[in-house]
Amino acid sequence: IAMGGIGLNHIDVEHAQSKGIEVYNVPAGS
């Protein structure tokens, strides 16, 4: 799951990771 920005509060990161899905964001991008 790729997030085009910084914030991840709208993504259930913990559930994604529990299913082996990596979650990417871009903390320095903006």
mmCIF file of all heavy atoms, coordinates in Angstrom:
data_MODEL
# 
_entry.id   MODEL 
# 
loop_
_atom_site.group_PDB 
_atom_site.id 
_atom_site.type_symbol 
_atom_site.label_atom_id 
_atom_site.label_alt_id 
_atom_site.label_comp_id 
_atom_site.label_asym_id 
_atom_site.label_entity_id 
_atom_site.label_seq_id 
_atom_site.pdbx_PDB_ins_code 
_atom_site.Cartn_x 
_atom_site.Cartn_y 
_atom_site.Cartn_z 
_atom_site.occupancy 
_atom_site.B_iso_or_equiv 
_atom_site.pdbx_formal_charge 
_atom_site.auth_seq_id 
_atom_site.auth_comp_id 
_atom_site.auth_asym_id 
_atom_site.auth_atom_id 
_atom_site.pdbx_PDB_model_num 
ATOM 1   N N   . ILE A 1 1  ? 0.885  -1.166  0.000  1.00 0.00 ? 1  ILE A N   1 
ATOM 2   C CA  . ILE A 1 1  ? 0.000  0.000   0.000  1.00 0.00 ? 1  ILE A CA  1 
ATOM 3   C C   . ILE A 1 1  ? 0.921  1.213   0.000  1.00 0.00 ? 1  ILE A C   1 
ATOM 4   O O   . ILE A 1 1  ? 1.723  1.392   0.925  1.00 0.00 ? 1  ILE A O   1 
ATOM 5   C CB  . ILE A 1 1  ? -0.931 0.025   1.220  1.00 0.00 ? 1  ILE A CB  1 
ATOM 6   C CG1 . ILE A 1 1  ? -1.876 -1.181  1.201  1.00 0.00 ? 1  ILE A CG1 1 
ATOM 7   C CG2 . ILE A 1 1  ? -1.735 1.331   1.256  1.00 0.00 ? 1  ILE A CG2 1 
ATOM 8   C CD1 . ILE A 1 1  ? -2.654 -1.366  2.492  1.00 0.00 ? 1  ILE A CD1 1 
ATOM 9   N N   . ALA A 1 2  ? 0.832  2.030   -1.026 1.00 0.00 ? 2  ALA A N   1 
ATOM 10  C CA  . ALA A 1 2  ? 1.690  3.204   -1.163 1.00 0.00 ? 2  ALA A CA  1 
ATOM 11  C C   . ALA A 1 2  ? 0.870  4.460   -0.910 1.00 0.00 ? 2  ALA A C   1 
ATOM 12  O O   . ALA A 1 2  ? -0.164 4.668   -1.538 1.00 0.00 ? 2  ALA A O   1 
ATOM 13  C CB  . ALA A 1 2  ? 2.316  3.256   -2.552 1.00 0.00 ? 2  ALA A CB  1 
ATOM 14  N N   . MET A 1 3  ? 1.322  5.269   0.034  1.00 0.00 ? 3  MET A N   1 
ATOM 15  C CA  . MET A 1 3  ? 0.639  6.519   0.376  1.00 0.00 ? 3  MET A CA  1 
ATOM 16  C C   . MET A 1 3  ? 1.468  7.690   -0.168 1.00 0.00 ? 3  MET A C   1 
ATOM 17  O O   . MET A 1 3  ? 2.616  7.871   0.227  1.00 0.00 ? 3  MET A O   1 
ATOM 18  C CB  . MET A 1 3  ? 0.486  6.628   1.899  1.00 0.00 ? 3  MET A CB  1 
ATOM 19  C CG  . MET A 1 3  ? 0.225  8.018   2.441  1.00 0.00 ? 3  MET A CG  1 
ATOM 20  S SD  . MET A 1 3  ? -1.206 8.855   1.735  1.00 0.00 ? 3  MET A SD  1 
ATOM 21  C CE  . MET A 1 3  ? -1.000 10.479  2.484  1.00 0.00 ? 3  MET A CE  1 
ATOM 22  N N   . GLY A 1 4  ? 0.855  8.466   -1.067 1.00 0.00 ? 4  GLY A N   1 
ATOM 23  C CA  . GLY A 1 4  ? 1.557  9.579   -1.701 1.00 0.00 ? 4  GLY A CA  1 
ATOM 24  C C   . GLY A 1 4  ? 1.621  10.802  -0.816 1.00 0.00 ? 4  GLY A C   1 
ATOM 25  O O   . GLY A 1 4  ? 1.091  11.862  -1.157 1.00 0.00 ? 4  GLY A O   1 
ATOM 26  N N   . GLY A 1 5  ? 2.268  10.685  0.328  1.00 0.00 ? 5  GLY A N   1 
ATOM 27  C CA  . GLY A 1 5  ? 2.407  11.796  1.266  1.00 0.00 ? 5  GLY A CA  1 
ATOM 28  C C   . GLY A 1 5  ? 2.990  11.302  2.572  1.00 0.00 ? 5  GLY A C   1 
ATOM 29  O O   . GLY A 1 5  ? 3.643  10.252  2.627  1.00 0.00 ? 5  GLY A O   1 
ATOM 30  N N   . ILE A 1 6  ? 2.721  12.048  3.650  1.00 0.00 ? 6  ILE A N   1 
ATOM 31  C CA  . ILE A 1 6  ? 3.301  11.742  4.952  1.00 0.00 ? 6  ILE A CA  1 
ATOM 32  C C   . ILE A 1 6  ? 2.349  10.929  5.816  1.00 0.00 ? 6  ILE A C   1 
ATOM 33  O O   . ILE A 1 6  ? 2.666  9.844   6.286  1.00 0.00 ? 6  ILE A O   1 
ATOM 34  C CB  . ILE A 1 6  ? 3.672  13.041  5.698  1.00 0.00 ? 6  ILE A CB  1 
ATOM 35  C CG1 . ILE A 1 6  ? 4.695  13.850  4.898  1.00 0.00 ? 6  ILE A CG1 1 
ATOM 36  C CG2 . ILE A 1 6  ? 4.232  12.716  7.082  1.00 0.00 ? 6  ILE A CG2 1 
ATOM 37  C CD1 . ILE A 1 6  ? 5.007  15.198  5.508  1.00 0.00 ? 6  ILE A CD1 1 
ATOM 38  N N   . GLY A 1 7  ? 1.151  11.460  6.054  1.00 0.00 ? 7  GLY A N   1 
ATOM 39  C CA  . GLY A 1 7  ? 0.247  10.926  7.071  1.00 0.00 ? 7  GLY A CA  1 
ATOM 40  C C   . GLY A 1 7  ? -0.279 9.542   6.759  1.00 0.00 ? 7  GLY A C   1 
ATOM 41  O O   . GLY A 1 7  ? -0.646 9.232   5.624  1.00 0.00 ? 7  GLY A O   1 
ATOM 42  N N   . LEU A 1 8  ? -0.339 8.709   7.798  1.00 0.00 ? 8  LEU A N   1 
ATOM 43  C CA  . LEU A 1 8  ? -0.855 7.347   7.663  1.00 0.00 ? 8  LEU A CA  1 
ATOM 44  C C   . LEU A 1 8  ? -2.045 7.096   8.586  1.00 0.00 ? 8  LEU A C   1 
ATOM 45  O O   . LEU A 1 8  ? -2.451 5.950   8.766  1.00 0.00 ? 8  LEU A O   1 
ATOM 46  C CB  . LEU A 1 8  ? 0.253  6.333   7.985  1.00 0.00 ? 8  LEU A CB  1 
ATOM 47  C CG  . LEU A 1 8  ? 1.434  6.292   7.011  1.00 0.00 ? 8  LEU A CG  1 
ATOM 48  C CD1 . LEU A 1 8  ? 2.536  5.403   7.561  1.00 0.00 ? 8  LEU A CD1 1 
ATOM 49  C CD2 . LEU A 1 8  ? 0.994  5.810   5.636  1.00 0.00 ? 8  LEU A CD2 1 
ATOM 50  N N   . ASN A 1 9  ? -2.619 8.165   9.156  1.00 0.00 ? 9  ASN A N   1 
ATOM 51  C CA  . ASN A 1 9  ? -3.691 7.980   10.123 1.00 0.00 ? 9  ASN A CA  1 
ATOM 52  C C   . ASN A 1 9  ? -4.981 7.466   9.473  1.00 0.00 ? 9  ASN A C   1 
ATOM 53  O O   . ASN A 1 9  ? -5.883 7.007   10.171 1.00 0.00 ? 9  ASN A O   1 
ATOM 54  C CB  . ASN A 1 9  ? -3.981 9.284   10.883 1.00 0.00 ? 9  ASN A CB  1 
ATOM 55  C CG  . ASN A 1 9  ? -4.208 10.466  9.974  1.00 0.00 ? 9  ASN A CG  1 
ATOM 56  O OD1 . ASN A 1 9  ? -3.300 10.894  9.274  1.00 0.00 ? 9  ASN A OD1 1 
ATOM 57  N ND2 . ASN A 1 9  ? -5.411 11.007  9.975  1.00 0.00 ? 9  ASN A ND2 1 
ATOM 58  N N   . HIS A 1 10 ? -5.074 7.507   8.143  1.00 0.00 ? 10 HIS A N   1 
ATOM 59  C CA  . HIS A 1 10 ? -6.253 6.985   7.441  1.00 0.00 ? 10 HIS A CA  1 
ATOM 60  C C   . HIS A 1 10 ? -6.026 5.567   6.918  1.00 0.00 ? 10 HIS A C   1 
ATOM 61  O O   . HIS A 1 10 ? -6.872 5.037   6.186  1.00 0.00 ? 10 HIS A O   1 
ATOM 62  C CB  . HIS A 1 10 ? -6.624 7.910   6.283  1.00 0.00 ? 10 HIS A CB  1 
ATOM 63  C CG  . HIS A 1 10 ? -5.564 8.026   5.226  1.00 0.00 ? 10 HIS A CG  1 
ATOM 64  N ND1 . HIS A 1 10 ? -4.285 8.438   5.514  1.00 0.00 ? 10 HIS A ND1 1 
ATOM 65  C CD2 . HIS A 1 10 ? -5.587 7.773   3.892  1.00 0.00 ? 10 HIS A CD2 1 
ATOM 66  C CE1 . HIS A 1 10 ? -3.574 8.445   4.401  1.00 0.00 ? 10 HIS A CE1 1 
ATOM 67  N NE2 . HIS A 1 10 ? -4.337 8.038   3.414  1.00 0.00 ? 10 HIS A NE2 1 
ATOM 68  N N   . ILE A 1 11 ? -4.893 4.975   7.288  1.00 0.00 ? 11 ILE A N   1 
ATOM 69  C CA  . ILE A 1 11 ? -4.565 3.617   6.848  1.00 0.00 ? 11 ILE A CA  1 
ATOM 70  C C   . ILE A 1 11 ? -4.383 2.732   8.079  1.00 0.00 ? 11 ILE A C   1 
ATOM 71  O O   . ILE A 1 11 ? -3.676 3.108   9.013  1.00 0.00 ? 11 ILE A O   1 
ATOM 72  C CB  . ILE A 1 11 ? -3.274 3.607   6.001  1.00 0.00 ? 11 ILE A CB  1 
ATOM 73  C CG1 . ILE A 1 11 ? -3.472 4.448   4.728  1.00 0.00 ? 11 ILE A CG1 1 
ATOM 74  C CG2 . ILE A 1 11 ? -2.871 2.181   5.634  1.00 0.00 ? 11 ILE A CG2 1 
ATOM 75  C CD1 . ILE A 1 11 ? -2.213 4.594   3.884  1.00 0.00 ? 11 ILE A CD1 1 
ATOM 76  N N   . ASP A 1 12 ? -5.013 1.560   8.070  1.00 0.00 ? 12 ASP A N   1 
ATOM 77  C CA  . ASP A 1 12 ? -4.844 0.605   9.168  1.00 0.00 ? 12 ASP A CA  1 
ATOM 78  C C   . ASP A 1 12 ? -3.526 -0.137  8.938  1.00 0.00 ? 12 ASP A C   1 
ATOM 79  O O   . ASP A 1 12 ? -3.496 -1.266  8.430  1.00 0.00 ? 12 ASP A O   1 
ATOM 80  C CB  . ASP A 1 12 ? -6.024 -0.369  9.211  1.00 0.00 ? 12 ASP A CB  1 
ATOM 81  C CG  . ASP A 1 12 ? -6.048 -1.208  10.492 1.00 0.00 ? 12 ASP A CG  1 
ATOM 82  O OD1 . ASP A 1 12 ? -4.971 -1.400  11.086 1.00 0.00 ? 12 ASP A OD1 1 
ATOM 83  O OD2 . ASP A 1 12 ? -7.137 -1.672  10.888 1.00 0.00 ? 12 ASP A OD2 1 
ATOM 84  N N   . VAL A 1 13 ? -2.443 0.524   9.319  1.00 0.00 ? 13 VAL A N   1 
ATOM 85  C CA  . VAL A 1 13 ? -1.100 0.003   9.051  1.00 0.00 ? 13 VAL A CA  1 
ATOM 86  C C   . VAL A 1 13 ? -0.881 -1.335  9.752  1.00 0.00 ? 13 VAL A C   1 
ATOM 87  O O   . VAL A 1 13 ? -0.329 -2.280  9.171  1.00 0.00 ? 13 VAL A O   1 
ATOM 88  C CB  . VAL A 1 13 ? -0.029 1.029   9.487  1.00 0.00 ? 13 VAL A CB  1 
ATOM 89  C CG1 . VAL A 1 13 ? 1.376  0.454   9.301  1.00 0.00 ? 13 VAL A CG1 1 
ATOM 90  C CG2 . VAL A 1 13 ? -0.181 2.325   8.707  1.00 0.00 ? 13 VAL A CG2 1 
ATOM 91  N N   . GLU A 1 14 ? -1.324 -1.424  11.001 1.00 0.00 ? 14 GLU A N   1 
ATOM 92  C CA  . GLU A 1 14 ? -1.104 -2.640  11.773 1.00 0.00 ? 14 GLU A CA  1 
ATOM 93  C C   . GLU A 1 14 ? -1.774 -3.845  11.111 1.00 0.00 ? 14 GLU A C   1 
ATOM 94  O O   . GLU A 1 14 ? -1.181 -4.933  11.012 1.00 0.00 ? 14 GLU A O   1 
ATOM 95  C CB  . GLU A 1 14 ? -1.637 -2.455  13.193 1.00 0.00 ? 14 GLU A CB  1 
ATOM 96  C CG  . GLU A 1 14 ? -1.359 -3.623  14.126 1.00 0.00 ? 14 GLU A CG  1 
ATOM 97  C CD  . GLU A 1 14 ? -1.805 -3.355  15.550 1.00 0.00 ? 14 GLU A CD  1 
ATOM 98  O OE1 . GLU A 1 14 ? -2.109 -2.188  15.879 1.00 0.00 ? 14 GLU A OE1 1 
ATOM 99  O OE2 . GLU A 1 14 ? -1.852 -4.322  16.339 1.00 0.00 ? 14 GLU A OE2 1 
ATOM 100 N N   . HIS A 1 15 ? -3.005 -3.661  10.636 1.00 0.00 ? 15 HIS A N   1 
ATOM 101 C CA  . HIS A 1 15 ? -3.709 -4.778  9.994  1.00 0.00 ? 15 HIS A CA  1 
ATOM 102 C C   . HIS A 1 15 ? -3.032 -5.155  8.674  1.00 0.00 ? 15 HIS A C   1 
ATOM 103 O O   . HIS A 1 15 ? -2.898 -6.347  8.357  1.00 0.00 ? 15 HIS A O   1 
ATOM 104 C CB  . HIS A 1 15 ? -5.166 -4.414  9.758  1.00 0.00 ? 15 HIS A CB  1 
ATOM 105 C CG  . HIS A 1 15 ? -5.991 -5.545  9.231  1.00 0.00 ? 15 HIS A CG  1 
ATOM 106 N ND1 . HIS A 1 15 ? -6.174 -6.721  9.926  1.00 0.00 ? 15 HIS A ND1 1 
ATOM 107 C CD2 . HIS A 1 15 ? -6.671 -5.694  8.049  1.00 0.00 ? 15 HIS A CD2 1 
ATOM 108 C CE1 . HIS A 1 15 ? -6.927 -7.543  9.216  1.00 0.00 ? 15 HIS A CE1 1 
ATOM 109 N NE2 . HIS A 1 15 ? -7.244 -6.944  8.072  1.00 0.00 ? 15 HIS A NE2 1 
ATOM 110 N N   . ALA A 1 16 ? -2.598 -4.144  7.928  1.00 0.00 ? 16 ALA A N   1 
ATOM 111 C CA  . ALA A 1 16 ? -1.912 -4.422  6.667  1.00 0.00 ? 16 ALA A CA  1 
ATOM 112 C C   . ALA A 1 16 ? -0.644 -5.236  6.911  1.00 0.00 ? 16 ALA A C   1 
ATOM 113 O O   . ALA A 1 16 ? -0.390 -6.246  6.245  1.00 0.00 ? 16 ALA A O   1 
ATOM 114 C CB  . ALA A 1 16 ? -1.580 -3.113  5.952  1.00 0.00 ? 16 ALA A CB  1 
ATOM 115 N N   . GLN A 1 17 ? 0.140  -4.801  7.885  1.00 0.00 ? 17 GLN A N   1 
ATOM 116 C CA  . GLN A 1 17 ? 1.394  -5.488  8.168  1.00 0.00 ? 17 GLN A CA  1 
ATOM 117 C C   . GLN A 1 17 ? 1.156  -6.899  8.697  1.00 0.00 ? 17 GLN A C   1 
ATOM 118 O O   . GLN A 1 17 ? 1.946  -7.809  8.429  1.00 0.00 ? 17 GLN A O   1 
ATOM 119 C CB  . GLN A 1 17 ? 2.225  -4.663  9.149  1.00 0.00 ? 17 GLN A CB  1 
ATOM 120 C CG  . GLN A 1 17 ? 2.734  -3.364  8.532  1.00 0.00 ? 17 GLN A CG  1 
ATOM 121 C CD  . GLN A 1 17 ? 3.460  -2.482  9.534  1.00 0.00 ? 17 GLN A CD  1 
ATOM 122 O OE1 . GLN A 1 17 ? 3.280  -2.608  10.744 1.00 0.00 ? 17 GLN A OE1 1 
ATOM 123 N NE2 . GLN A 1 17 ? 4.278  -1.573  9.035  1.00 0.00 ? 17 GLN A NE2 1 
ATOM 124 N N   . SER A 1 18 ? 0.052  -7.098  9.417  1.00 0.00 ? 18 SER A N   1 
ATOM 125 C CA  . SER A 1 18 ? -0.254 -8.441  9.925  1.00 0.00 ? 18 SER A CA  1 
ATOM 126 C C   . SER A 1 18 ? -0.554 -9.411  8.795  1.00 0.00 ? 18 SER A C   1 
ATOM 127 O O   . SER A 1 18 ? -0.453 -10.633 8.966  1.00 0.00 ? 18 SER A O   1 
ATOM 128 C CB  . SER A 1 18 ? -1.452 -8.378  10.889 1.00 0.00 ? 18 SER A CB  1 
ATOM 129 O OG  . SER A 1 18 ? -2.674 -8.197  10.175 1.00 0.00 ? 18 SER A OG  1 
ATOM 130 N N   . LYS A 1 19 ? -0.901 -8.856  7.619  1.00 0.00 ? 19 LYS A N   1 
ATOM 131 C CA  . LYS A 1 19 ? -1.184 -9.692  6.459  1.00 0.00 ? 19 LYS A CA  1 
ATOM 132 C C   . LYS A 1 19 ? -0.002 -9.724  5.487  1.00 0.00 ? 19 LYS A C   1 
ATOM 133 O O   . LYS A 1 19 ? -0.134 -10.201 4.351  1.00 0.00 ? 19 LYS A O   1 
ATOM 134 C CB  . LYS A 1 19 ? -2.432 -9.175  5.741  1.00 0.00 ? 19 LYS A CB  1 
ATOM 135 C CG  . LYS A 1 19 ? -3.666 -9.123  6.646  1.00 0.00 ? 19 LYS A CG  1 
ATOM 136 C CD  . LYS A 1 19 ? -4.933 -8.933  5.865  1.00 0.00 ? 19 LYS A CD  1 
ATOM 137 C CE  . LYS A 1 19 ? -5.296 -10.191 5.110  1.00 0.00 ? 19 LYS A CE  1 
ATOM 138 N NZ  . LYS A 1 19 ? -6.642 -10.130 4.491  1.00 0.00 ? 19 LYS A NZ  1 
ATOM 139 N N   . GLY A 1 20 ? 1.136  -9.210  5.944  1.00 0.00 ? 20 GLY A N   1 
ATOM 140 C CA  . GLY A 1 20 ? 2.331  -9.233  5.107  1.00 0.00 ? 20 GLY A CA  1 
ATOM 141 C C   . GLY A 1 20 ? 2.367  -8.165  4.043  1.00 0.00 ? 20 GLY A C   1 
ATOM 142 O O   . GLY A 1 20 ? 3.179  -8.240  3.109  1.00 0.00 ? 20 GLY A O   1 
ATOM 143 N N   . ILE A 1 21 ? 1.533  -7.152  4.173  1.00 0.00 ? 21 ILE A N   1 
ATOM 144 C CA  . ILE A 1 21 ? 1.502  -6.052  3.204  1.00 0.00 ? 21 ILE A CA  1 
ATOM 145 C C   . ILE A 1 21 ? 2.383  -4.917  3.715  1.00 0.00 ? 21 ILE A C   1 
ATOM 146 O O   . ILE A 1 21 ? 2.221  -4.460  4.851  1.00 0.00 ? 21 ILE A O   1 
ATOM 147 C CB  . ILE A 1 21 ? 0.060  -5.542  3.002  1.00 0.00 ? 21 ILE A CB  1 
ATOM 148 C CG1 . ILE A 1 21 ? -0.849 -6.668  2.512  1.00 0.00 ? 21 ILE A CG1 1 
ATOM 149 C CG2 . ILE A 1 21 ? 0.036  -4.366  2.022  1.00 0.00 ? 21 ILE A CG2 1 
ATOM 150 C CD1 . ILE A 1 21 ? -2.335 -6.318  2.552  1.00 0.00 ? 21 ILE A CD1 1 
ATOM 151 N N   . GLU A 1 22 ? 3.303  -4.466  2.901  1.00 0.00 ? 22 GLU A N   1 
ATOM 152 C CA  . GLU A 1 22 ? 4.157  -3.343  3.284  1.00 0.00 ? 22 GLU A CA  1 
ATOM 153 C C   . GLU A 1 22 ? 3.428  -2.029  3.014  1.00 0.00 ? 22 GLU A C   1 
ATOM 154 O O   . GLU A 1 22 ? 2.691  -1.905  2.021  1.00 0.00 ? 22 GLU A O   1 
ATOM 155 C CB  . GLU A 1 22 ? 5.477  -3.390  2.532  1.00 0.00 ? 22 GLU A CB  1 
ATOM 156 C CG  . GLU A 1 22 ? 6.316  -4.623  2.863  1.00 0.00 ? 22 GLU A CG  1 
ATOM 157 C CD  . GLU A 1 22 ? 7.742  -4.510  2.374  1.00 0.00 ? 22 GLU A CD  1 
ATOM 158 O OE1 . GLU A 1 22 ? 8.214  -3.372  2.148  1.00 0.00 ? 22 GLU A OE1 1 
ATOM 159 O OE2 . GLU A 1 22 ? 8.393  -5.557  2.223  1.00 0.00 ? 22 GLU A OE2 1 
ATOM 160 N N   . VAL A 1 23 ? 3.633  -1.065  3.901  1.00 0.00 ? 23 VAL A N   1 
ATOM 161 C CA  . VAL A 1 23 ? 3.006  0.253   3.760  1.00 0.00 ? 23 VAL A CA  1 
ATOM 162 C C   . VAL A 1 23 ? 4.105  1.293   3.580  1.00 0.00 ? 23 VAL A C   1 
ATOM 163 O O   . VAL A 1 23 ? 4.986  1.437   4.431  1.00 0.00 ? 23 VAL A O   1 
ATOM 164 C CB  . VAL A 1 23 ? 2.138  0.600   4.987  1.00 0.00 ? 23 VAL A CB  1 
ATOM 165 C CG1 . VAL A 1 23 ? 1.489  1.974   4.806  1.00 0.00 ? 23 VAL A CG1 1 
ATOM 166 C CG2 . VAL A 1 23 ? 1.063  -0.467  5.193  1.00 0.00 ? 23 VAL A CG2 1 
ATOM 167 N N   . TYR A 1 24 ? 4.061  1.988   2.454  1.00 0.00 ? 24 TYR A N   1 
ATOM 168 C CA  . TYR A 1 24 ? 5.066  3.009   2.140  1.00 0.00 ? 24 TYR A CA  1 
ATOM 169 C C   . TYR A 1 24 ? 4.441  4.397   2.238  1.00 0.00 ? 24 TYR A C   1 
ATOM 170 O O   . TYR A 1 24 ? 3.300  4.616   1.815  1.00 0.00 ? 24 TYR A O   1 
ATOM 171 C CB  . TYR A 1 24 ? 5.588  2.847   0.715  1.00 0.00 ? 24 TYR A CB  1 
ATOM 172 C CG  . TYR A 1 24 ? 6.342  1.576   0.422  1.00 0.00 ? 24 TYR A CG  1 
ATOM 173 C CD1 . TYR A 1 24 ? 6.602  1.202   -0.907 1.00 0.00 ? 24 TYR A CD1 1 
ATOM 174 C CD2 . TYR A 1 24 ? 6.807  0.736   1.432  1.00 0.00 ? 24 TYR A CD2 1 
ATOM 175 C CE1 . TYR A 1 24 ? 7.300  0.038   -1.199 1.00 0.00 ? 24 TYR A CE1 1 
ATOM 176 C CE2 . TYR A 1 24 ? 7.506  -0.427  1.149  1.00 0.00 ? 24 TYR A CE2 1 
ATOM 177 C CZ  . TYR A 1 24 ? 7.746  -0.775  -0.173 1.00 0.00 ? 24 TYR A CZ  1 
ATOM 178 O OH  . TYR A 1 24 ? 8.433  -1.916  -0.477 1.00 0.00 ? 24 TYR A OH  1 
ATOM 179 N N   . ASN A 1 25 ? 5.201  5.335   2.773  1.00 0.00 ? 25 ASN A N   1 
ATOM 180 C CA  . ASN A 1 25 ? 4.857  6.750   2.651  1.00 0.00 ? 25 ASN A CA  1 
ATOM 181 C C   . ASN A 1 25 ? 6.129  7.514   2.318  1.00 0.00 ? 25 ASN A C   1 
ATOM 182 O O   . ASN A 1 25 ? 7.179  6.910   2.105  1.00 0.00 ? 25 ASN A O   1 
ATOM 183 C CB  . ASN A 1 25 ? 4.168  7.279   3.907  1.00 0.00 ? 25 ASN A CB  1 
ATOM 184 C CG  . ASN A 1 25 ? 5.081  7.295   5.122  1.00 0.00 ? 25 ASN A CG  1 
ATOM 185 O OD1 . ASN A 1 25 ? 6.101  6.597   5.166  1.00 0.00 ? 25 ASN A OD1 1 
ATOM 186 N ND2 . ASN A 1 25 ? 4.728  8.070   6.122  1.00 0.00 ? 25 ASN A ND2 1 
ATOM 187 N N   . VAL A 1 26 ? 6.050  8.843   2.261  1.00 0.00 ? 26 VAL A N   1 
ATOM 188 C CA  . VAL A 1 26 ? 7.210  9.646   1.874  1.00 0.00 ? 26 VAL A CA  1 
ATOM 189 C C   . VAL A 1 26 ? 7.375  10.768  2.901  1.00 0.00 ? 26 VAL A C   1 
ATOM 190 O O   . VAL A 1 26 ? 6.971  11.913  2.665  1.00 0.00 ? 26 VAL A O   1 
ATOM 191 C CB  . VAL A 1 26 ? 7.062  10.228  0.453  1.00 0.00 ? 26 VAL A CB  1 
ATOM 192 C CG1 . VAL A 1 26 ? 8.391  10.801  -0.037 1.00 0.00 ? 26 VAL A CG1 1 
ATOM 193 C CG2 . VAL A 1 26 ? 6.569  9.167   -0.515 1.00 0.00 ? 26 VAL A CG2 1 
ATOM 194 N N   . PRO A 1 27 ? 7.971  10.454  4.065  1.00 0.00 ? 27 PRO A N   1 
ATOM 195 C CA  . PRO A 1 27 ? 8.050  11.442  5.139  1.00 0.00 ? 27 PRO A CA  1 
ATOM 196 C C   . PRO A 1 27 ? 8.775  12.732  4.768  1.00 0.00 ? 27 PRO A C   1 
ATOM 197 O O   . PRO A 1 27 ? 8.425  13.798  5.254  1.00 0.00 ? 27 PRO A O   1 
ATOM 198 C CB  . PRO A 1 27 ? 8.804  10.683  6.239  1.00 0.00 ? 27 PRO A CB  1 
ATOM 199 C CG  . PRO A 1 27 ? 8.556  9.241   5.953  1.00 0.00 ? 27 PRO A CG  1 
ATOM 200 C CD  . PRO A 1 27 ? 8.497  9.137   4.463  1.00 0.00 ? 27 PRO A CD  1 
ATOM 201 N N   . ALA A 1 28 ? 9.775  12.635  3.891  1.00 0.00 ? 28 ALA A N   1 
ATOM 202 C CA  . ALA A 1 28 ? 10.554 13.830  3.554  1.00 0.00 ? 28 ALA A CA  1 
ATOM 203 C C   . ALA A 1 28 ? 10.082 14.516  2.285  1.00 0.00 ? 28 ALA A C   1 
ATOM 204 O O   . ALA A 1 28 ? 10.615 15.553  1.898  1.00 0.00 ? 28 ALA A O   1 
ATOM 205 C CB  . ALA A 1 28 ? 12.037 13.458  3.417  1.00 0.00 ? 28 ALA A CB  1 
ATOM 206 N N   . GLY A 1 29 ? 9.063  13.942  1.638  1.00 0.00 ? 29 GLY A N   1 
ATOM 207 C CA  . GLY A 1 29 ? 8.699  14.418  0.316  1.00 0.00 ? 29 GLY A CA  1 
ATOM 208 C C   . GLY A 1 29 ? 8.168  15.837  0.269  1.00 0.00 ? 29 GLY A C   1 
ATOM 209 O O   . GLY A 1 29 ? 8.358  16.543  -0.719 1.00 0.00 ? 29 GLY A O   1 
ATOM 210 N N   . SER A 1 30 ? 7.485  16.258  1.311  1.00 0.00 ? 30 SER A N   1 
ATOM 211 C CA  . SER A 1 30 ? 6.840  17.574  1.272  1.00 0.00 ? 30 SER A CA  1 
ATOM 212 C C   . SER A 1 30 ? 7.362  18.509  2.356  1.00 0.00 ? 30 SER A C   1 
ATOM 213 O O   . SER A 1 30 ? 6.712  19.507  2.671  1.00 0.00 ? 30 SER A O   1 
ATOM 214 C CB  . SER A 1 30 ? 5.328  17.404  1.416  1.00 0.00 ? 30 SER A CB  1 
ATOM 215 O OG  . SER A 1 30 ? 5.016  16.682  2.600  1.00 0.00 ? 30 SER A OG  1 
# 
